[in-house]
Amino acid sequence: MLDHPNRPLSREFLLDQVFSKSLTPLDRAIDVCVSRLRQHLQDSAPEATLIRAVRNEGYVLVADVGYEA
């Protein structure tokens, strides 16, 4: 998600990147991972929603991503 900020990423793409497997119709692994990631991020920024679900698209990281050298 950090490599593609502000761009919706499909569940299939995320599943392939994270688990290197294809999506099955009832597979909720990415949804569980995103939910847990949201919980961890909420601890540091409770007022911000950094990961949003985009209907029929997937998930998007809504943040300014800057890389420092």
Foldseek 3Di string as FASTA:
>chain_A
DLVDAPDFAAPQRVCCVPVVDGDDPPDCVVVVVVVVVQVVVCVVPVVDRQWDADPPGHIHGHDDRDDDD
